[in-house]
Amino acid sequence: MAQITGVGGVFFKSGRREELNAWYQDVLKLPRALDHPSFRLEDRHPDAGTVIGVFKQESDYFGSPDQLFMINFRVDDLEVFLLDLEKKGVVPEAPTEVHPEGKFTWIKDPDGNRIELWEPS
């Protein structure tokens, strides 16, 4: 029987595509794909899978009620990553939260999309 083995991508629209692509590359350090105007990530944390979560319509977890999706990026060292972001003018929306699954915080991209950053335990 065939099955899904992981997330192939996260896609969204922006009226400022080139600016947003540059921000994701320069600020979040995502590697650009050579054959497509997108980014390719390799899974570097074998113990942390990809989560697909469906939230209630009323949820405020994504920051804005108008935001219909949120990307969660795994990072290897959240503290150091946040220091790098602050040098580029990106400040977390809230203090880092520590849970059994790891450390979490949230930032926004230039279009106002909330992004979750997660350092697995």
C-alpha atoms as a PDB file:
ATOM      1  CA  MET A   1       0.000   0.000   0.000  1.00  0.00           C
ATOM      2  CA  ALA A   2       1.327   3.462  -0.884  1.00  0.00           C
ATOM      3  CA  GLN A   3       1.731   6.049   1.869  1.00  0.00           C
ATOM      4  CA  ILE A   4       2.838   9.630   2.414  1.00  0.00           C
ATOM      5  CA  THR A   5       6.442   9.776   3.608  1.00  0.00           C
ATOM      6  CA  GLY A   6       6.886  13.471   4.486  1.00  0.00           C
ATOM      7  CA  VAL A   7       6.087  17.024   3.493  1.00  0.00           C
ATOM      8  CA  GLY A   8       7.189  17.848  -0.036  1.00  0.00           C
ATOM      9  CA  GLY A   9       6.808  21.593   0.394  1.00  0.00           C
ATOM     10  CA  VAL A  10       4.905  24.536   1.789  1.00  0.00           C
ATOM     11  CA  PHE A  11       3.546  26.951  -0.809  1.00  0.00           C
ATOM     12  CA  PHE A  12       1.948  30.362  -0.422  1.00  0.00           C
ATOM     13  CA  LYS A  13       1.350  33.543  -2.418  1.00  0.00           C
ATOM     14  CA  SER A  14       2.926  36.973  -2.052  1.00  0.00           C
ATOM     15  CA  GLY A  15       2.694  40.199  -4.002  1.00  0.00           C
ATOM     16  CA  ARG A  16       6.389  40.700  -3.138  1.00  0.00           C
ATOM     17  CA  ARG A  17       7.733  37.326  -4.243  1.00  0.00           C
ATOM     18  CA  GLU A  18      11.352  38.332  -4.948  1.00  0.00           C
ATOM     19  CA  GLU A  19      11.647  40.370  -1.734  1.00  0.00           C
ATOM     20  CA  LEU A  20      10.181  37.533   0.304  1.00  0.00           C
ATOM     21  CA  ASN A  21      12.428  34.944  -1.378  1.00  0.00           C
ATOM     22  CA  ALA A  22      15.459  37.104  -0.539  1.00  0.00           C
ATOM     23  CA  TRP A  23      14.296  37.460   3.092  1.00  0.00           C
ATOM     24  CA  TYR A  24      13.887  33.702   3.548  1.00  0.00           C
ATOM     25  CA  GLN A  25      17.321  33.141   2.001  1.00  0.00           C
ATOM     26  CA  ASP A  26      19.226  35.971   3.716  1.00  0.00           C
ATOM     27  CA  VAL A  27      17.531  36.108   7.114  1.00  0.00           C
ATOM     28  CA  LEU A  28      16.471  32.485   7.737  1.00  0.00           C
ATOM     29  CA  LYS A  29      19.424  31.080   5.765  1.00  0.00           C
ATOM     30  CA  LEU A  30      17.290  28.719   3.693  1.00  0.00           C
ATOM     31  CA  PRO A  31      19.256  27.314   0.741  1.00  0.00           C
ATOM     32  CA  ARG A  32      17.806  28.266  -2.649  1.00  0.00           C
ATOM     33  CA  ALA A  33      17.120  25.417  -5.043  1.00  0.00           C
ATOM     34  CA  LEU A  34      19.204  25.698  -8.180  1.00  0.00           C
ATOM     35  CA  ASP A  35      16.485  24.428 -10.514  1.00  0.00           C
ATOM     36  CA  HIS A  36      13.449  26.306  -9.145  1.00  0.00           C
ATOM     37  CA  PRO A  37      12.612  29.576  -7.377  1.00  0.00           C
ATOM     38  CA  SER A  38      12.152  27.809  -4.063  1.00  0.00           C
ATOM     39  CA  PHE A  39      14.161  26.377  -1.175  1.00  0.00           C
ATOM     40  CA  ARG A  40      15.244  22.823  -0.423  1.00  0.00           C
ATOM     41  CA  LEU A  41      15.746  21.553   3.106  1.00  0.00           C
ATOM     42  CA  GLU A  42      17.367  18.313   4.120  1.00  0.00           C
ATOM     43  CA  ASP A  43      16.182  16.679   7.343  1.00  0.00           C
ATOM     44  CA  ARG A  44      19.130  16.967   9.726  1.00  0.00           C
ATOM     45  CA  HIS A  45      17.336  15.789  12.847  1.00  0.00           C
ATOM     46  CA  PRO A  46      16.444  12.106  12.498  1.00  0.00           C
ATOM     47  CA  ASP A  47      14.410  12.021  15.719  1.00  0.00           C
ATOM     48  CA  ALA A  48      12.060  14.859  14.762  1.00  0.00           C
ATOM     49  CA  GLY A  49       9.500  14.105  12.080  1.00  0.00           C
ATOM     50  CA  THR A  50       7.264  16.511  10.226  1.00  0.00           C
ATOM     51  CA  VAL A  51       3.937  17.319  11.835  1.00  0.00           C
ATOM     52  CA  ILE A  52       0.756  18.065   9.921  1.00  0.00           C
ATOM     53  CA  GLY A  53      -1.621  19.837  12.297  1.00  0.00           C
ATOM     54  CA  VAL A  54      -5.180  20.944  11.596  1.00  0.00           C
ATOM     55  CA  PHE A  55      -6.236  23.731  13.961  1.00  0.00           C
ATOM     56  CA  LYS A  56      -9.713  25.012  14.790  1.00  0.00           C
ATOM     57  CA  GLN A  57     -10.883  27.904  12.607  1.00  0.00           C
ATOM     58  CA  GLU A  58     -11.014  30.139  15.726  1.00  0.00           C
ATOM     59  CA  SER A  59      -7.402  29.385  16.748  1.00  0.00           C
ATOM     60  CA  ASP A  60      -5.131  32.370  17.325  1.00  0.00           C
ATOM     61  CA  TYR A  61      -1.998  30.189  17.291  1.00  0.00           C
ATOM     62  CA  PHE A  62      -1.002  31.493  13.836  1.00  0.00           C
ATOM     63  CA  GLY A  63      -0.982  35.085  15.124  1.00  0.00           C
ATOM     64  CA  SER A  64      -3.615  36.658  12.877  1.00  0.00           C
ATOM     65  CA  PRO A  65      -7.117  35.288  12.273  1.00  0.00           C
ATOM     66  CA  ASP A  66      -6.525  35.924   8.543  1.00  0.00           C
ATOM     67  CA  GLN A  67      -3.421  33.696   8.394  1.00  0.00           C
ATOM     68  CA  LEU A  68      -4.470  30.281   7.109  1.00  0.00           C
ATOM     69  CA  PHE A  69      -1.132  28.484   7.450  1.00  0.00           C
ATOM     70  CA  MET A  70       2.052  28.604   9.507  1.00  0.00           C
ATOM     71  CA  ILE A  71       5.472  27.155   8.747  1.00  0.00           C
ATOM     72  CA  ASN A  72       7.377  25.467  11.570  1.00  0.00           C
ATOM     73  CA  PHE A  73      11.135  25.332  11.046  1.00  0.00           C
ATOM     74  CA  ARG A  74      13.328  23.044  13.134  1.00  0.00           C
ATOM     75  CA  VAL A  75      16.575  24.723  14.218  1.00  0.00           C
ATOM     76  CA  ASP A  76      19.601  23.127  15.824  1.00  0.00           C
ATOM     77  CA  ASP A  77      20.312  25.928  18.344  1.00  0.00           C
ATOM     78  CA  LEU A  78      17.424  28.321  18.930  1.00  0.00           C
ATOM     79  CA  GLU A  79      19.388  30.792  21.102  1.00  0.00           C
ATOM     80  CA  VAL A  80      22.160  31.247  18.545  1.00  0.00           C
ATOM     81  CA  PHE A  81      19.656  31.378  15.683  1.00  0.00           C
ATOM     82  CA  LEU A  82      17.711  34.145  17.460  1.00  0.00           C
ATOM     83  CA  LEU A  83      20.910  36.159  18.006  1.00  0.00           C
ATOM     84  CA  ASP A  84      21.573  35.961  14.250  1.00  0.00           C
ATOM     85  CA  LEU A  85      17.986  37.041  13.515  1.00  0.00           C
ATOM     86  CA  GLU A  86      18.197  40.012  15.883  1.00  0.00           C
ATOM     87  CA  LYS A  87      21.284  41.258  13.995  1.00  0.00           C
ATOM     88  CA  LYS A  88      19.032  41.359  10.926  1.00  0.00           C
ATOM     89  CA  GLY A  89      16.229  43.214  12.703  1.00  0.00           C
ATOM     90  CA  VAL A  90      13.974  40.216  13.334  1.00  0.00           C
ATOM     91  CA  VAL A  91      12.679  40.062  16.904  1.00  0.00           C
ATOM     92  CA  PRO A  92      10.590  37.199  18.305  1.00  0.00           C
ATOM     93  CA  GLU A  93       6.942  37.970  19.043  1.00  0.00           C
ATOM     94  CA  ALA A  94       7.127  36.343  22.475  1.00  0.00           C
ATOM     95  CA  PRO A  95       9.685  34.860  24.852  1.00  0.00           C
ATOM     96  CA  THR A  96      10.932  31.364  24.057  1.00  0.00           C
ATOM     97  CA  GLU A  97       8.694  28.662  25.504  1.00  0.00           C
ATOM     98  CA  VAL A  98      10.134  25.395  26.764  1.00  0.00           C
ATOM     99  CA  HIS A  99       7.985  22.257  26.456  1.00  0.00           C
ATOM    100  CA  PRO A 100       8.760  18.536  26.648  1.00  0.00           C
ATOM    101  CA  GLU A 101       9.079  18.542  22.826  1.00  0.00           C
ATOM    102  CA  GLY A 102      11.682  21.326  22.904  1.00  0.00           C
ATOM    103  CA  LYS A 103      11.996  25.118  22.710  1.00  0.00           C
ATOM    104  CA  PHE A 104       9.607  27.249  20.631  1.00  0.00           C
ATOM    105  CA  THR A 105       9.323  30.870  19.570  1.00  0.00           C
ATOM    106  CA  TRP A 106       7.638  32.843  16.783  1.00  0.00           C
ATOM    107  CA  ILE A 107       8.680  35.501  14.286  1.00  0.00           C
ATOM    108  CA  LYS A 108       7.027  37.133  11.275  1.00  0.00           C
ATOM    109  CA  ASP A 109       8.238  37.385   7.691  1.00  0.00           C
ATOM    110  CA  PRO A 110       7.996  40.720   5.809  1.00  0.00           C
ATOM    111  CA  ASP A 111       4.438  39.853   4.659  1.00  0.00           C
ATOM    112  CA  GLY A 112       3.372  39.365   8.293  1.00  0.00           C
ATOM    113  CA  ASN A 113       3.172  35.559   8.147  1.00  0.00           C
ATOM    114  CA  ARG A 114       3.851  34.029  11.524  1.00  0.00           C
ATOM    115  CA  ILE A 115       6.659  31.443  11.543  1.00  0.00           C
ATOM    116  CA  GLU A 116       7.297  29.015  14.381  1.00  0.00           C
ATOM    117  CA  LEU A 117      10.903  28.144  15.242  1.00  0.00           C
ATOM    118  CA  TRP A 118      11.483  24.889  17.114  1.00  0.00           C
ATOM    119  CA  GLU A 119      14.575  23.357  18.682  1.00  0.00           C
ATOM    120  CA  PRO A 120      13.635  19.724  19.402  1.00  0.00           C
ATOM    121  CA  SER A 121      14.561  18.234  22.775  1.00  0.00           C
END
